[in-house]
Every structure is written in structure tokens, then in C-alpha cells.
Amino acid sequence: MTPIAAVEAIATLLWAYAGVTFLAWARHLTRAEHRQRVPHVIDLIANLVPAMILLLVVVLVGAVIGLPSVVVLIAVLFPAGLAWGAQMALNDIRETATPAAEAARIALALAIGSAVIWARQIA
């Protein structure tokens, strides 16, 4: 596996986890009271802001220094930031986290990510 393929695989797994986590967050959002939905969306945005600021800093530093590999960092940092922000927002919106639900979400993300990796890199 080439380094670019490894970065693509890691990014794909992070995208899958972010997607599954956003779906879980949206499911909890639809179950929330109507008056609580806007604060939950604002909380999601507030959790995504630090990750996006880090992404902008990496891009700017990479442009100033002239790092050619900044694109590789962006490919991993963007889905990682989305996954982190979604996970933090999900932790804020739900009452309690169960290890079984966490394991199921991780397993689903791994299954989806592995299928995409297999389809793109192996098949």
C-alpha cells in the first residue's frame, strides 16, 4: 500500500465515522423537543469551529512555509475535525453514552469505510 493510499484509507474511515455520527446526532435531534433544536444545532456548530480553525491554520502555515504535503494533512484533518465535532455534539445532545451504542457506531463506520476502501483501492 502506497503512502497516498494509506492516507486515503484513513480519511475514508474518518469520513465514514463522521457520517455515522452525524446520523446518530440527527436522530437524537429529531427526538428532542422543538424548542431545543436550535440550541443543539448551535452547539454542533460551536463544536465544529475549533477543528475548522485548526484546518485554516494548517493551510496558512503550509502556504507560508511552502509545504507540499499540506494537502495530505488537509485530507485527514478535515474529516477528523468533522468526526470530532459531531462526536462532541452527540455527547452533548444525548443523556448517557452506552458502550454498546459506541461499539455499534464504530463497527458500522468500519464496515462502510472498509467497503468504500475495498471498492476504490482493491476491486
PDB file of N, CA and C in Angstrom:
ATOM      1  N   MET A   1       0.855  -1.175   0.000  1.00  0.00           N
ATOM      2  CA  MET A   1       0.000   0.000   0.000  1.00  0.00           C
ATOM      3  C   MET A   1       0.898   1.234   0.000  1.00  0.00           C
ATOM      4  N   THR A   2       0.642   2.117  -0.937  1.00  0.00           N
ATOM      5  CA  THR A   2       1.429   3.334  -1.033  1.00  0.00           C
ATOM      6  C   THR A   2       1.021   4.304   0.074  1.00  0.00           C
ATOM      7  N   PRO A   3       1.879   5.270   0.380  1.00  0.00           N
ATOM      8  CA  PRO A   3       1.507   6.245   1.420  1.00  0.00           C
ATOM      9  C   PRO A   3       0.231   7.026   1.086  1.00  0.00           C
ATOM     10  N   ILE A   4       0.042   7.363  -0.173  1.00  0.00           N
ATOM     11  CA  ILE A   4      -1.174   8.084  -0.561  1.00  0.00           C
ATOM     12  C   ILE A   4      -2.400   7.205  -0.362  1.00  0.00           C
ATOM     13  N   ALA A   5      -2.278   5.926  -0.681  1.00  0.00           N
ATOM     14  CA  ALA A   5      -3.401   5.006  -0.477  1.00  0.00           C
ATOM     15  C   ALA A   5      -3.710   4.857   1.009  1.00  0.00           C
ATOM     16  N   ALA A   6      -2.673   4.857   1.844  1.00  0.00           N
ATOM     17  CA  ALA A   6      -2.890   4.763   3.293  1.00  0.00           C
ATOM     18  C   ALA A   6      -3.604   6.009   3.815  1.00  0.00           C
ATOM     19  N   VAL A   7      -3.195   7.179   3.336  1.00  0.00           N
ATOM     20  CA  VAL A   7      -3.852   8.425   3.751  1.00  0.00           C
ATOM     21  C   VAL A   7      -5.302   8.429   3.283  1.00  0.00           C
ATOM     22  N   GLU A   8      -5.529   7.968   2.062  1.00  0.00           N
ATOM     23  CA  GLU A   8      -6.899   7.898   1.552  1.00  0.00           C
ATOM     24  C   GLU A   8      -7.748   6.936   2.376  1.00  0.00           C
ATOM     25  N   ALA A   9      -7.160   5.822   2.787  1.00  0.00           N
ATOM     26  CA  ALA A   9      -7.892   4.849   3.607  1.00  0.00           C
ATOM     27  C   ALA A   9      -8.242   5.440   4.970  1.00  0.00           C
ATOM     28  N   ILE A  10      -7.289   6.122   5.589  1.00  0.00           N
ATOM     29  CA  ILE A  10      -7.543   6.748   6.891  1.00  0.00           C
ATOM     30  C   ILE A  10      -8.628   7.815   6.758  1.00  0.00           C
ATOM     31  N   ALA A  11      -8.517   8.635   5.721  1.00  0.00           N
ATOM     32  CA  ALA A  11      -9.520   9.679   5.504  1.00  0.00           C
ATOM     33  C   ALA A  11     -10.897   9.073   5.241  1.00  0.00           C
ATOM     34  N   THR A  12     -10.945   7.980   4.507  1.00  0.00           N
ATOM     35  CA  THR A  12     -12.223   7.321   4.227  1.00  0.00           C
ATOM     36  C   THR A  12     -12.861   6.798   5.502  1.00  0.00           C
ATOM     37  N   LEU A  13     -12.062   6.191   6.370  1.00  0.00           N
ATOM     38  CA  LEU A  13     -12.593   5.704   7.644  1.00  0.00           C
ATOM     39  C   LEU A  13     -13.103   6.858   8.505  1.00  0.00           C
ATOM     40  N   LEU A  14     -12.372   7.974   8.500  1.00  0.00           N
ATOM     41  CA  LEU A  14     -12.814   9.141   9.265  1.00  0.00           C
ATOM     42  C   LEU A  14     -14.102   9.730   8.688  1.00  0.00           C
ATOM     43  N   TRP A  15     -14.208   9.779   7.357  1.00  0.00           N
ATOM     44  CA  TRP A  15     -15.441  10.258   6.730  1.00  0.00           C
ATOM     45  C   TRP A  15     -16.612   9.368   7.104  1.00  0.00           C
ATOM     46  N   ALA A  16     -16.388   8.056   7.093  1.00  0.00           N
ATOM     47  CA  ALA A  16     -17.464   7.120   7.439  1.00  0.00           C
ATOM     48  C   ALA A  16     -17.898   7.318   8.887  1.00  0.00           C
ATOM     49  N   TYR A  17     -16.924   7.474   9.789  1.00  0.00           N
ATOM     50  CA  TYR A  17     -17.269   7.683  11.193  1.00  0.00           C
ATOM     51  C   TYR A  17     -18.007   9.008  11.383  1.00  0.00           C
ATOM     52  N   ALA A  18     -17.551  10.046  10.699  1.00  0.00           N
ATOM     53  CA  ALA A  18     -18.232  11.340  10.799  1.00  0.00           C
ATOM     54  C   ALA A  18     -19.665  11.232  10.286  1.00  0.00           C
ATOM     55  N   GLY A  19     -19.860  10.535   9.181  1.00  0.00           N
ATOM     56  CA  GLY A  19     -21.205  10.377   8.636  1.00  0.00           C
ATOM     57  C   GLY A  19     -22.129   9.614   9.561  1.00  0.00           C
ATOM     58  N   VAL A  20     -21.639   8.515  10.119  1.00  0.00           N
ATOM     59  CA  VAL A  20     -22.455   7.718  11.039  1.00  0.00           C
ATOM     60  C   VAL A  20     -22.763   8.521  12.303  1.00  0.00           C
ATOM     61  N   THR A  21     -21.795   9.278  12.781  1.00  0.00           N
ATOM     62  CA  THR A  21     -22.006  10.083  13.982  1.00  0.00           C
ATOM     63  C   THR A  21     -22.992  11.217  13.719  1.00  0.00           C
ATOM     64  N   PHE A  22     -22.900  11.850  12.547  1.00  0.00           N
ATOM     65  CA  PHE A  22     -23.876  12.885  12.200  1.00  0.00           C
ATOM     66  C   PHE A  22     -25.285  12.307  12.107  1.00  0.00           C
ATOM     67  N   LEU A  23     -25.410  11.101  11.572  1.00  0.00           N
ATOM     68  CA  LEU A  23     -26.733  10.474  11.515  1.00  0.00           C
ATOM     69  C   LEU A  23     -27.274  10.192  12.914  1.00  0.00           C
ATOM     70  N   ALA A  24     -26.411   9.733  13.812  1.00  0.00           N
ATOM     71  CA  ALA A  24     -26.845   9.497  15.196  1.00  0.00           C
ATOM     72  C   ALA A  24     -27.244  10.815  15.857  1.00  0.00           C
ATOM     73  N   TRP A  25     -26.477  11.869  15.590  1.00  0.00           N
ATOM     74  CA  TRP A  25     -26.804  13.182  16.144  1.00  0.00           C
ATOM     75  C   TRP A  25     -28.151  13.664  15.597  1.00  0.00           C
ATOM     76  N   ALA A  26     -28.371  13.494  14.294  1.00  0.00           N
ATOM     77  CA  ALA A  26     -29.634  13.925  13.691  1.00  0.00           C
ATOM     78  C   ALA A  26     -30.811  13.129  14.251  1.00  0.00           C
ATOM     79  N   ARG A  27     -30.594  11.854  14.522  1.00  0.00           N
ATOM     80  CA  ARG A  27     -31.662  11.042  15.116  1.00  0.00           C
ATOM     81  C   ARG A  27     -32.019  11.571  16.504  1.00  0.00           C
ATOM     82  N   HIS A  28     -30.999  11.907  17.297  1.00  0.00           N
ATOM     83  CA  HIS A  28     -31.259  12.478  18.621  1.00  0.00           C
ATOM     84  C   HIS A  28     -31.907  13.863  18.500  1.00  0.00           C
ATOM     85  N   LEU A  29     -31.516  14.619  17.474  1.00  0.00           N
ATOM     86  CA  LEU A  29     -32.094  15.949  17.282  1.00  0.00           C
ATOM     87  C   LEU A  29     -33.582  15.860  16.967  1.00  0.00           C
ATOM     88  N   THR A  30     -33.976  14.894  16.146  1.00  0.00           N
ATOM     89  CA  THR A  30     -35.399  14.764  15.816  1.00  0.00           C
ATOM     90  C   THR A  30     -36.219  14.324  17.020  1.00  0.00           C
ATOM     91  N   ARG A  31     -35.595  13.658  17.972  1.00  0.00           N
ATOM     92  CA  ARG A  31     -36.299  13.236  19.186  1.00  0.00           C
ATOM     93  C   ARG A  31     -36.350  14.334  20.246  1.00  0.00           C
ATOM     94  N   ALA A  32     -35.538  15.364  20.080  1.00  0.00           N
ATOM     95  CA  ALA A  32     -35.504  16.446  21.069  1.00  0.00           C
ATOM     96  C   ALA A  32     -36.757  17.308  20.942  1.00  0.00           C
ATOM     97  N   GLU A  33     -37.035  18.035  22.007  1.00  0.00           N
ATOM     98  CA  GLU A  33     -38.159  18.968  21.973  1.00  0.00           C
ATOM     99  C   GLU A  33     -37.900  20.037  20.917  1.00  0.00           C
ATOM    100  N   HIS A  34     -38.983  20.543  20.354  1.00  0.00           N
ATOM    101  CA  HIS A  34     -38.859  21.505  19.266  1.00  0.00           C
ATOM    102  C   HIS A  34     -38.068  22.746  19.678  1.00  0.00           C
ATOM    103  N   ARG A  35     -38.274  23.218  20.890  1.00  0.00           N
ATOM    104  CA  ARG A  35     -37.587  24.440  21.336  1.00  0.00           C
ATOM    105  C   ARG A  35     -36.114  24.205  21.633  1.00  0.00           C
ATOM    106  N   GLN A  36     -35.679  22.948  21.697  1.00  0.00           N
ATOM    107  CA  GLN A  36     -34.279  22.637  21.971  1.00  0.00           C
ATOM    108  C   GLN A  36     -33.462  22.402  20.700  1.00  0.00           C
ATOM    109  N   ARG A  37     -34.094  22.383  19.552  1.00  0.00           N
ATOM    110  CA  ARG A  37     -33.385  22.037  18.318  1.00  0.00           C
ATOM    111  C   ARG A  37     -32.386  23.102  17.889  1.00  0.00           C
ATOM    112  N   VAL A  38     -32.777  24.349  17.937  1.00  0.00           N
ATOM    113  CA  VAL A  38     -31.857  25.415  17.538  1.00  0.00           C
ATOM    114  C   VAL A  38     -30.633  25.460  18.452  1.00  0.00           C
ATOM    115  N   PRO A  39     -30.783  25.379  19.781  1.00  0.00           N
ATOM    116  CA  PRO A  39     -29.581  25.336  20.626  1.00  0.00           C
ATOM    117  C   PRO A  39     -28.676  24.132  20.330  1.00  0.00           C
ATOM    118  N   HIS A  40     -29.267  23.003  19.962  1.00  0.00           N
ATOM    119  CA  HIS A  40     -28.442  21.835  19.633  1.00  0.00           C
ATOM    120  C   HIS A  40     -27.662  22.050  18.334  1.00  0.00           C
ATOM    121  N   VAL A  41     -28.272  22.702  17.364  1.00  0.00           N
ATOM    122  CA  VAL A  41     -27.573  23.000  16.113  1.00  0.00           C
ATOM    123  C   VAL A  41     -26.452  24.002  16.370  1.00  0.00           C
ATOM    124  N   ILE A  42     -26.713  24.996  17.194  1.00  0.00           N
ATOM    125  CA  ILE A  42     -25.671  25.966  17.543  1.00  0.00           C
ATOM    126  C   ILE A  42     -24.535  25.280  18.286  1.00  0.00           C
ATOM    127  N   ASP A  43     -24.863  24.317  19.140  1.00  0.00           N
ATOM    128  CA  ASP A  43     -23.839  23.545  19.842  1.00  0.00           C
ATOM    129  C   ASP A  43     -22.988  22.747  18.855  1.00  0.00           C
ATOM    130  N   LEU A  44     -23.617  22.169  17.843  1.00  0.00           N
ATOM    131  CA  LEU A  44     -22.868  21.443  16.817  1.00  0.00           C
ATOM    132  C   LEU A  44     -21.900  22.372  16.101  1.00  0.00           C
ATOM    133  N   ILE A  45     -22.380  23.529  15.708  1.00  0.00           N
ATOM    134  CA  ILE A  45     -21.523  24.494  15.022  1.00  0.00           C
ATOM    135  C   ILE A  45     -20.383  24.934  15.928  1.00  0.00           C
ATOM    136  N   ALA A  46     -20.681  25.159  17.204  1.00  0.00           N
ATOM    137  CA  ALA A  46     -19.634  25.559  18.151  1.00  0.00           C
ATOM    138  C   ALA A  46     -18.591  24.466  18.323  1.00  0.00           C
ATOM    139  N   ASN A  47     -18.986  23.210  18.216  1.00  0.00           N
ATOM    140  CA  ASN A  47     -18.022  22.119  18.312  1.00  0.00           C
ATOM    141  C   ASN A  47     -17.205  21.951  17.037  1.00  0.00           C
ATOM    142  N   LEU A  48     -17.736  22.393  15.908  1.00  0.00           N
ATOM    143  CA  LEU A  48     -17.009  22.277  14.646  1.00  0.00           C
ATOM    144  C   LEU A  48     -16.027  23.427  14.421  1.00  0.00           C
ATOM    145  N   VAL A  49     -16.260  24.560  15.051  1.00  0.00           N
ATOM    146  CA  VAL A  49     -15.424  25.741  14.818  1.00  0.00           C
ATOM    147  C   VAL A  49     -13.950  25.512  15.162  1.00  0.00           C
ATOM    148  N   PRO A  50     -13.591  24.941  16.315  1.00  0.00           N
ATOM    149  CA  PRO A  50     -12.161  24.762  16.602  1.00  0.00           C
ATOM    150  C   PRO A  50     -11.443  23.882  15.578  1.00  0.00           C
ATOM    151  N   ALA A  51     -12.113  22.860  15.099  1.00  0.00           N
ATOM    152  CA  ALA A  51     -11.488  21.994  14.100  1.00  0.00           C
ATOM    153  C   ALA A  51     -11.263  22.743  12.790  1.00  0.00           C
ATOM    154  N   MET A  52     -12.207  23.566  12.405  1.00  0.00           N
ATOM    155  CA  MET A  52     -12.056  24.310  11.160  1.00  0.00           C
ATOM    156  C   MET A  52     -11.002  25.411  11.298  1.00  0.00           C
ATOM    157  N   ILE A  53     -10.883  25.993  12.480  1.00  0.00           N
ATOM    158  CA  ILE A  53      -9.817  26.973  12.709  1.00  0.00           C
ATOM    159  C   ILE A  53      -8.460  26.296  12.592  1.00  0.00           C
ATOM    160  N   LEU A  54      -8.318  25.110  13.173  1.00  0.00           N
ATOM    161  CA  LEU A  54      -7.069  24.358  13.042  1.00  0.00           C
ATOM    162  C   LEU A  54      -6.775  24.060  11.582  1.00  0.00           C
ATOM    163  N   LEU A  55      -7.781  23.704  10.824  1.00  0.00           N
ATOM    164  CA  LEU A  55      -7.600  23.425   9.403  1.00  0.00           C
ATOM    165  C   LEU A  55      -7.106  24.666   8.666  1.00  0.00           C
ATOM    166  N   LEU A  56      -7.694  25.822   8.948  1.00  0.00           N
ATOM    167  CA  LEU A  56      -7.247  27.061   8.312  1.00  0.00           C
ATOM    168  C   LEU A  56      -5.816  27.411   8.697  1.00  0.00           C
ATOM    169  N   VAL A  57      -5.464  27.210   9.962  1.00  0.00           N
ATOM    170  CA  VAL A  57      -4.093  27.489  10.405  1.00  0.00           C
ATOM    171  C   VAL A  57      -3.109  26.584   9.677  1.00  0.00           C
ATOM    172  N   VAL A  58      -3.441  25.318   9.539  1.00  0.00           N
ATOM    173  CA  VAL A  58      -2.551  24.390   8.833  1.00  0.00           C
ATOM    174  C   VAL A  58      -2.387  24.807   7.376  1.00  0.00           C
ATOM    175  N   VAL A  59      -3.472  25.211   6.738  1.00  0.00           N
ATOM    176  CA  VAL A  59      -3.393  25.648   5.342  1.00  0.00           C
ATOM    177  C   VAL A  59      -2.537  26.899   5.222  1.00  0.00           C
ATOM    178  N   LEU A  60      -2.752  27.870   6.109  1.00  0.00           N
ATOM    179  CA  LEU A  60      -1.981  29.111   6.036  1.00  0.00           C
ATOM    180  C   LEU A  60      -0.506  28.882   6.330  1.00  0.00           C
ATOM    181  N   VAL A  61      -0.214  28.098   7.350  1.00  0.00           N
ATOM    182  CA  VAL A  61       1.189  27.805   7.670  1.00  0.00           C
ATOM    183  C   VAL A  61       1.830  27.029   6.524  1.00  0.00           C
ATOM    184  N   GLY A  62       1.103  26.087   5.965  1.00  0.00           N
ATOM    185  CA  GLY A  62       1.632  25.332   4.831  1.00  0.00           C
ATOM    186  C   GLY A  62       1.900  26.214   3.630  1.00  0.00           C
ATOM    187  N   ALA A  63       1.043  27.197   3.398  1.00  0.00           N
ATOM    188  CA  ALA A  63       1.246  28.108   2.274  1.00  0.00           C
ATOM    189  C   ALA A  63       2.426  29.038   2.517  1.00  0.00           C
ATOM    190  N   VAL A  64       2.577  29.509   3.756  1.00  0.00           N
ATOM    191  CA  VAL A  64       3.678  30.421   4.070  1.00  0.00           C
ATOM    192  C   VAL A  64       5.016  29.691   4.018  1.00  0.00           C
ATOM    193  N   ILE A  65       5.057  28.517   4.618  1.00  0.00           N
ATOM    194  CA  ILE A  65       6.307  27.750   4.653  1.00  0.00           C
ATOM    195  C   ILE A  65       6.571  27.079   3.309  1.00  0.00           C
ATOM    196  N   GLY A  66       5.528  26.760   2.594  1.00  0.00           N
ATOM    197  CA  GLY A  66       5.684  26.102   1.307  1.00  0.00           C
ATOM    198  C   GLY A  66       5.728  24.593   1.414  1.00  0.00           C
ATOM    199  N   LEU A  67       4.943  24.049   2.334  1.00  0.00           N
ATOM    200  CA  LEU A  67       4.905  22.596   2.495  1.00  0.00           C
ATOM    201  C   LEU A  67       4.086  21.967   1.369  1.00  0.00           C
ATOM    202  N   PRO A  68       4.686  21.083   0.599  1.00  0.00           N
ATOM    203  CA  PRO A  68       3.909  20.431  -0.460  1.00  0.00           C
ATOM    204  C   PRO A  68       2.948  19.374   0.084  1.00  0.00           C
ATOM    205  N   SER A  69       3.193  18.896   1.294  1.00  0.00           N
ATOM    206  CA  SER A  69       2.362  17.823   1.846  1.00  0.00           C
ATOM    207  C   SER A  69       1.183  18.348   2.660  1.00  0.00           C
ATOM    208  N   VAL A  70       0.891  19.636   2.576  1.00  0.00           N
ATOM    209  CA  VAL A  70      -0.222  20.189   3.342  1.00  0.00           C
ATOM    210  C   VAL A  70      -1.554  19.613   2.851  1.00  0.00           C
ATOM    211  N   VAL A  71      -1.624  19.219   1.598  1.00  0.00           N
ATOM    212  CA  VAL A  71      -2.848  18.615   1.066  1.00  0.00           C
ATOM    213  C   VAL A  71      -3.126  17.286   1.757  1.00  0.00           C
ATOM    214  N   VAL A  72      -2.079  16.548   2.065  1.00  0.00           N
ATOM    215  CA  VAL A  72      -2.239  15.277   2.771  1.00  0.00           C
ATOM    216  C   VAL A  72      -2.791  15.531   4.169  1.00  0.00           C
ATOM    217  N   LEU A  73      -2.292  16.563   4.826  1.00  0.00           N
ATOM    218  CA  LEU A  73      -2.804  16.901   6.153  1.00  0.00           C
ATOM    219  C   LEU A  73      -4.266  17.329   6.089  1.00  0.00           C
ATOM    220  N   ILE A  74      -4.610  18.092   5.077  1.00  0.00           N
ATOM    221  CA  ILE A  74      -5.996  18.532   4.930  1.00  0.00           C
ATOM    222  C   ILE A  74      -6.914  17.337   4.699  1.00  0.00           C
ATOM    223  N   ALA A  75      -6.440  16.374   3.915  1.00  0.00           N
ATOM    224  CA  ALA A  75      -7.257  15.198   3.602  1.00  0.00           C
ATOM    225  C   ALA A  75      -7.624  14.414   4.853  1.00  0.00           C
ATOM    226  N   VAL A  76      -6.784  14.471   5.876  1.00  0.00           N
ATOM    227  CA  VAL A  76      -7.062  13.753   7.122  1.00  0.00           C
ATOM    228  C   VAL A  76      -7.675  14.684   8.168  1.00  0.00           C
ATOM    229  N   LEU A  77      -7.205  15.924   8.241  1.00  0.00           N
ATOM    230  CA  LEU A  77      -7.691  16.844   9.270  1.00  0.00           C
ATOM    231  C   LEU A  77      -9.161  17.224   9.087  1.00  0.00           C
ATOM    232  N   PHE A  78      -9.607  17.392   7.857  1.00  0.00           N
ATOM    233  CA  PHE A  78     -10.991  17.810   7.645  1.00  0.00           C
ATOM    234  C   PHE A  78     -11.990  16.764   8.128  1.00  0.00           C
ATOM    235  N   PRO A  79     -11.894  15.499   7.690  1.00  0.00           N
ATOM    236  CA  PRO A  79     -12.852  14.520   8.223  1.00  0.00           C
ATOM    237  C   PRO A  79     -12.646  14.233   9.703  1.00  0.00           C
ATOM    238  N   ALA A  80     -11.401  14.346  10.186  1.00  0.00           N
ATOM    239  CA  ALA A  80     -11.164  14.149  11.621  1.00  0.00           C
ATOM    240  C   ALA A  80     -11.840  15.254  12.427  1.00  0.00           C
ATOM    241  N   GLY A  81     -11.772  16.482  11.944  1.00  0.00           N
ATOM    242  CA  GLY A  81     -12.444  17.590  12.618  1.00  0.00           C
ATOM    243  C   GLY A  81     -13.952  17.446  12.606  1.00  0.00           C
ATOM    244  N   LEU A  82     -14.491  16.989  11.480  1.00  0.00           N
ATOM    245  CA  LEU A  82     -15.936  16.748  11.417  1.00  0.00           C
ATOM    246  C   LEU A  82     -16.348  15.642  12.379  1.00  0.00           C
ATOM    247  N   ALA A  83     -15.563  14.569  12.415  1.00  0.00           N
ATOM    248  CA  ALA A  83     -15.883  13.452  13.314  1.00  0.00           C
ATOM    249  C   ALA A  83     -15.799  13.892  14.768  1.00  0.00           C
ATOM    250  N   TRP A  84     -14.767  14.660  15.103  1.00  0.00           N
ATOM    251  CA  TRP A  84     -14.605  15.129  16.483  1.00  0.00           C
ATOM    252  C   TRP A  84     -15.757  16.059  16.877  1.00  0.00           C
ATOM    253  N   GLY A  85     -16.077  17.012  16.008  1.00  0.00           N
ATOM    254  CA  GLY A  85     -17.170  17.936  16.308  1.00  0.00           C
ATOM    255  C   GLY A  85     -18.509  17.233  16.435  1.00  0.00           C
ATOM    256  N   ALA A  86     -18.755  16.271  15.554  1.00  0.00           N
ATOM    257  CA  ALA A  86     -20.013  15.521  15.625  1.00  0.00           C
ATOM    258  C   ALA A  86     -20.079  14.684  16.893  1.00  0.00           C
ATOM    259  N   GLN A  87     -18.959  14.085  17.278  1.00  0.00           N
ATOM    260  CA  GLN A  87     -18.933  13.277  18.500  1.00  0.00           C
ATOM    261  C   GLN A  87     -19.183  14.144  19.733  1.00  0.00           C
ATOM    262  N   MET A  88     -18.572  15.317  19.784  1.00  0.00           N
ATOM    263  CA  MET A  88     -18.786  16.206  20.922  1.00  0.00           C
ATOM    264  C   MET A  88     -20.236  16.686  20.981  1.00  0.00           C
ATOM    265  N   ALA A  89     -20.810  17.017  19.821  1.00  0.00           N
ATOM    266  CA  ALA A  89     -22.213  17.448  19.791  1.00  0.00           C
ATOM    267  C   ALA A  89     -23.139  16.302  20.174  1.00  0.00           C
ATOM    268  N   LEU A  90     -22.800  15.089  19.743  1.00  0.00           N
ATOM    269  CA  LEU A  90     -23.609  13.926  20.117  1.00  0.00           C
ATOM    270  C   LEU A  90     -23.534  13.682  21.615  1.00  0.00           C
ATOM    271  N   ASN A  91     -22.351  13.850  22.194  1.00  0.00           N
ATOM    272  CA  ASN A  91     -22.216  13.693  23.645  1.00  0.00           C
ATOM    273  C   ASN A  91     -23.039  14.738  24.395  1.00  0.00           C
ATOM    274  N   ASP A  92     -23.172  15.930  23.821  1.00  0.00           N
ATOM    275  CA  ASP A  92     -23.950  16.985  24.470  1.00  0.00           C
ATOM    276  C   ASP A  92     -25.456  16.764  24.346  1.00  0.00           C
ATOM    277  N   ILE A  93     -25.904  16.178  23.244  1.00  0.00           N
ATOM    278  CA  ILE A  93     -27.347  16.069  22.995  1.00  0.00           C
ATOM    279  C   ILE A  93     -27.974  14.857  23.668  1.00  0.00           C
ATOM    280  N   ARG A  94     -27.223  13.804  23.875  1.00  0.00           N
ATOM    281  CA  ARG A  94     -27.827  12.599  24.457  1.00  0.00           C
ATOM    282  C   ARG A  94     -27.608  12.568  25.960  1.00  0.00           C
ATOM    283  N   GLU A  95     -28.452  11.811  26.619  1.00  0.00           N
ATOM    284  CA  GLU A  95     -28.397  11.751  28.077  1.00  0.00           C
ATOM    285  C   GLU A  95     -27.168  10.970  28.544  1.00  0.00           C
ATOM    286  N   THR A  96     -27.051   9.731  28.099  1.00  0.00           N
ATOM    287  CA  THR A  96     -25.918   8.899  28.501  1.00  0.00           C
ATOM    288  C   THR A  96     -25.397   8.147  27.290  1.00  0.00           C
ATOM    289  N   ALA A  97     -24.115   7.900  27.303  1.00  0.00           N
ATOM    290  CA  ALA A  97     -23.492   7.115  26.239  1.00  0.00           C
ATOM    291  C   ALA A  97     -23.340   5.681  26.719  1.00  0.00           C
ATOM    292  N   THR A  98     -23.767   4.758  25.900  1.00  0.00           N
ATOM    293  CA  THR A  98     -23.607   3.352  26.257  1.00  0.00           C
ATOM    294  C   THR A  98     -22.478   2.768  25.424  1.00  0.00           C
ATOM    295  N   PRO A  99     -21.650   1.921  26.029  1.00  0.00           N
ATOM    296  CA  PRO A  99     -20.565   1.305  25.262  1.00  0.00           C
ATOM    297  C   PRO A  99     -21.073   0.492  24.070  1.00  0.00           C
ATOM    298  N   ALA A 100     -22.244  -0.108  24.206  1.00  0.00           N
ATOM    299  CA  ALA A 100     -22.790  -0.895  23.098  1.00  0.00           C
ATOM    300  C   ALA A 100     -23.127  -0.003  21.899  1.00  0.00           C
ATOM    301  N   ALA A 101     -23.706   1.157  22.166  1.00  0.00           N
ATOM    302  CA  ALA A 101     -24.037   2.078  21.072  1.00  0.00           C
ATOM    303  C   ALA A 101     -22.775   2.620  20.417  1.00  0.00           C
ATOM    304  N   GLU A 102     -21.768   2.928  21.232  1.00  0.00           N
ATOM    305  CA  GLU A 102     -20.495   3.405  20.685  1.00  0.00           C
ATOM    306  C   GLU A 102     -19.846   2.334  19.817  1.00  0.00           C
ATOM    307  N   ALA A 103     -19.836   1.097  20.311  1.00  0.00           N
ATOM    308  CA  ALA A 103     -19.232  -0.006  19.560  1.00  0.00           C
ATOM    309  C   ALA A 103     -19.990  -0.263  18.264  1.00  0.00           C
ATOM    310  N   ALA A 104     -21.302  -0.175  18.309  1.00  0.00           N
ATOM    311  CA  ALA A 104     -22.099  -0.383  17.100  1.00  0.00           C
ATOM    312  C   ALA A 104     -21.821   0.706  16.070  1.00  0.00           C
ATOM    313  N   ARG A 105     -21.699   1.950  16.522  1.00  0.00           N
ATOM    314  CA  ARG A 105     -21.413   3.048  15.597  1.00  0.00           C
ATOM    315  C   ARG A 105     -20.026   2.906  14.985  1.00  0.00           C
ATOM    316  N   ILE A 106     -19.052   2.506  15.791  1.00  0.00           N
ATOM    317  CA  ILE A 106     -17.698   2.299  15.271  1.00  0.00           C
ATOM    318  C   ILE A 106     -17.678   1.132  14.292  1.00  0.00           C
ATOM    319  N   ALA A 107     -18.377   0.051  14.622  1.00  0.00           N
ATOM    320  CA  ALA A 107     -18.417  -1.112  13.731  1.00  0.00           C
ATOM    321  C   ALA A 107     -19.086  -0.759  12.404  1.00  0.00           C
ATOM    322  N   LEU A 108     -20.166   0.011  12.461  1.00  0.00           N
ATOM    323  CA  LEU A 108     -20.844   0.422  11.232  1.00  0.00           C
ATOM    324  C   LEU A 108     -19.938   1.312  10.384  1.00  0.00           C
ATOM    325  N   ALA A 109     -19.243   2.241  11.028  1.00  0.00           N
ATOM    326  CA  ALA A 109     -18.323   3.114  10.299  1.00  0.00           C
ATOM    327  C   ALA A 109     -17.187   2.305   9.683  1.00  0.00           C
ATOM    328  N   LEU A 110     -16.655   1.335  10.415  1.00  0.00           N
ATOM    329  CA  LEU A 110     -15.600   0.483   9.864  1.00  0.00           C
ATOM    330  C   LEU A 110     -16.108  -0.339   8.689  1.00  0.00           C
ATOM    331  N   ALA A 111     -17.323  -0.846   8.782  1.00  0.00           N
ATOM    332  CA  ALA A 111     -17.883  -1.634   7.684  1.00  0.00           C
ATOM    333  C   ALA A 111     -18.084  -0.776   6.435  1.00  0.00           C
ATOM    334  N   ILE A 112     -18.656   0.403   6.612  1.00  0.00           N
ATOM    335  CA  ILE A 112     -18.876   1.294   5.471  1.00  0.00           C
ATOM    336  C   ILE A 112     -17.539   1.748   4.891  1.00  0.00           C
ATOM    337  N   GLY A 113     -16.628   2.180   5.763  1.00  0.00           N
ATOM    338  CA  GLY A 113     -15.318   2.628   5.300  1.00  0.00           C
ATOM    339  C   GLY A 113     -14.541   1.526   4.605  1.00  0.00           C
ATOM    340  N   SER A 114     -14.590   0.326   5.153  1.00  0.00           N
ATOM    341  CA  SER A 114     -13.883  -0.802   4.536  1.00  0.00           C
ATOM    342  C   SER A 114     -14.464  -1.137   3.170  1.00  0.00           C
ATOM    343  N   ALA A 115     -15.778  -1.066   3.044  1.00  0.00           N
ATOM    344  CA  ALA A 115     -16.404  -1.332   1.744  1.00  0.00           C
ATOM    345  C   ALA A 115     -15.985  -0.295   0.708  1.00  0.00           C
ATOM    346  N   VAL A 116     -15.929   0.961   1.115  1.00  0.00           N
ATOM    347  CA  VAL A 116     -15.508   2.017   0.189  1.00  0.00           C
ATOM    348  C   VAL A 116     -14.036   1.849  -0.172  1.00  0.00           C
ATOM    349  N   ILE A 117     -13.197   1.559   0.812  1.00  0.00           N
ATOM    350  CA  ILE A 117     -11.771   1.346   0.545  1.00  0.00           C
ATOM    351  C   ILE A 117     -11.587   0.164  -0.398  1.00  0.00           C
ATOM    352  N   TRP A 118     -12.303  -0.914  -0.144  1.00  0.00           N
ATOM    353  CA  TRP A 118     -12.186  -2.091  -0.998  1.00  0.00           C
ATOM    354  C   TRP A 118     -12.613  -1.756  -2.426  1.00  0.00           C
ATOM    355  N   ALA A 119     -13.719  -1.019  -2.567  1.00  0.00           N
ATOM    356  CA  ALA A 119     -14.216  -0.684  -3.900  1.00  0.00           C
ATOM    357  C   ALA A 119     -13.274   0.262  -4.642  1.00  0.00           C
ATOM    358  N   ARG A 120     -12.636   1.168  -3.927  1.00  0.00           N
ATOM    359  CA  ARG A 120     -11.775   2.159  -4.580  1.00  0.00           C
ATOM    360  C   ARG A 120     -10.355   1.678  -4.807  1.00  0.00           C
ATOM    361  N   GLN A 121      -9.813   0.886  -3.886  1.00  0.00           N
ATOM    362  CA  GLN A 121      -8.397   0.554  -3.968  1.00  0.00           C
ATOM    363  C   GLN A 121      -8.112  -0.888  -4.363  1.00  0.00           C
ATOM    364  N   ILE A 122      -9.036  -1.792  -4.093  1.00  0.00           N
ATOM    365  CA  ILE A 122      -8.733  -3.204  -4.318  1.00  0.00           C
ATOM    366  C   ILE A 122      -9.483  -3.748  -5.526  1.00  0.00           C
ATOM    367  N   ALA A 123     -10.774  -3.496  -5.594  1.00  0.00           N
ATOM    368  CA  ALA A 123     -11.585  -4.079  -6.679  1.00  0.00           C
ATOM    369  C   ALA A 123     -11.326  -3.410  -8.009  1.00  0.00           C
TER     370      ALA A 123
END
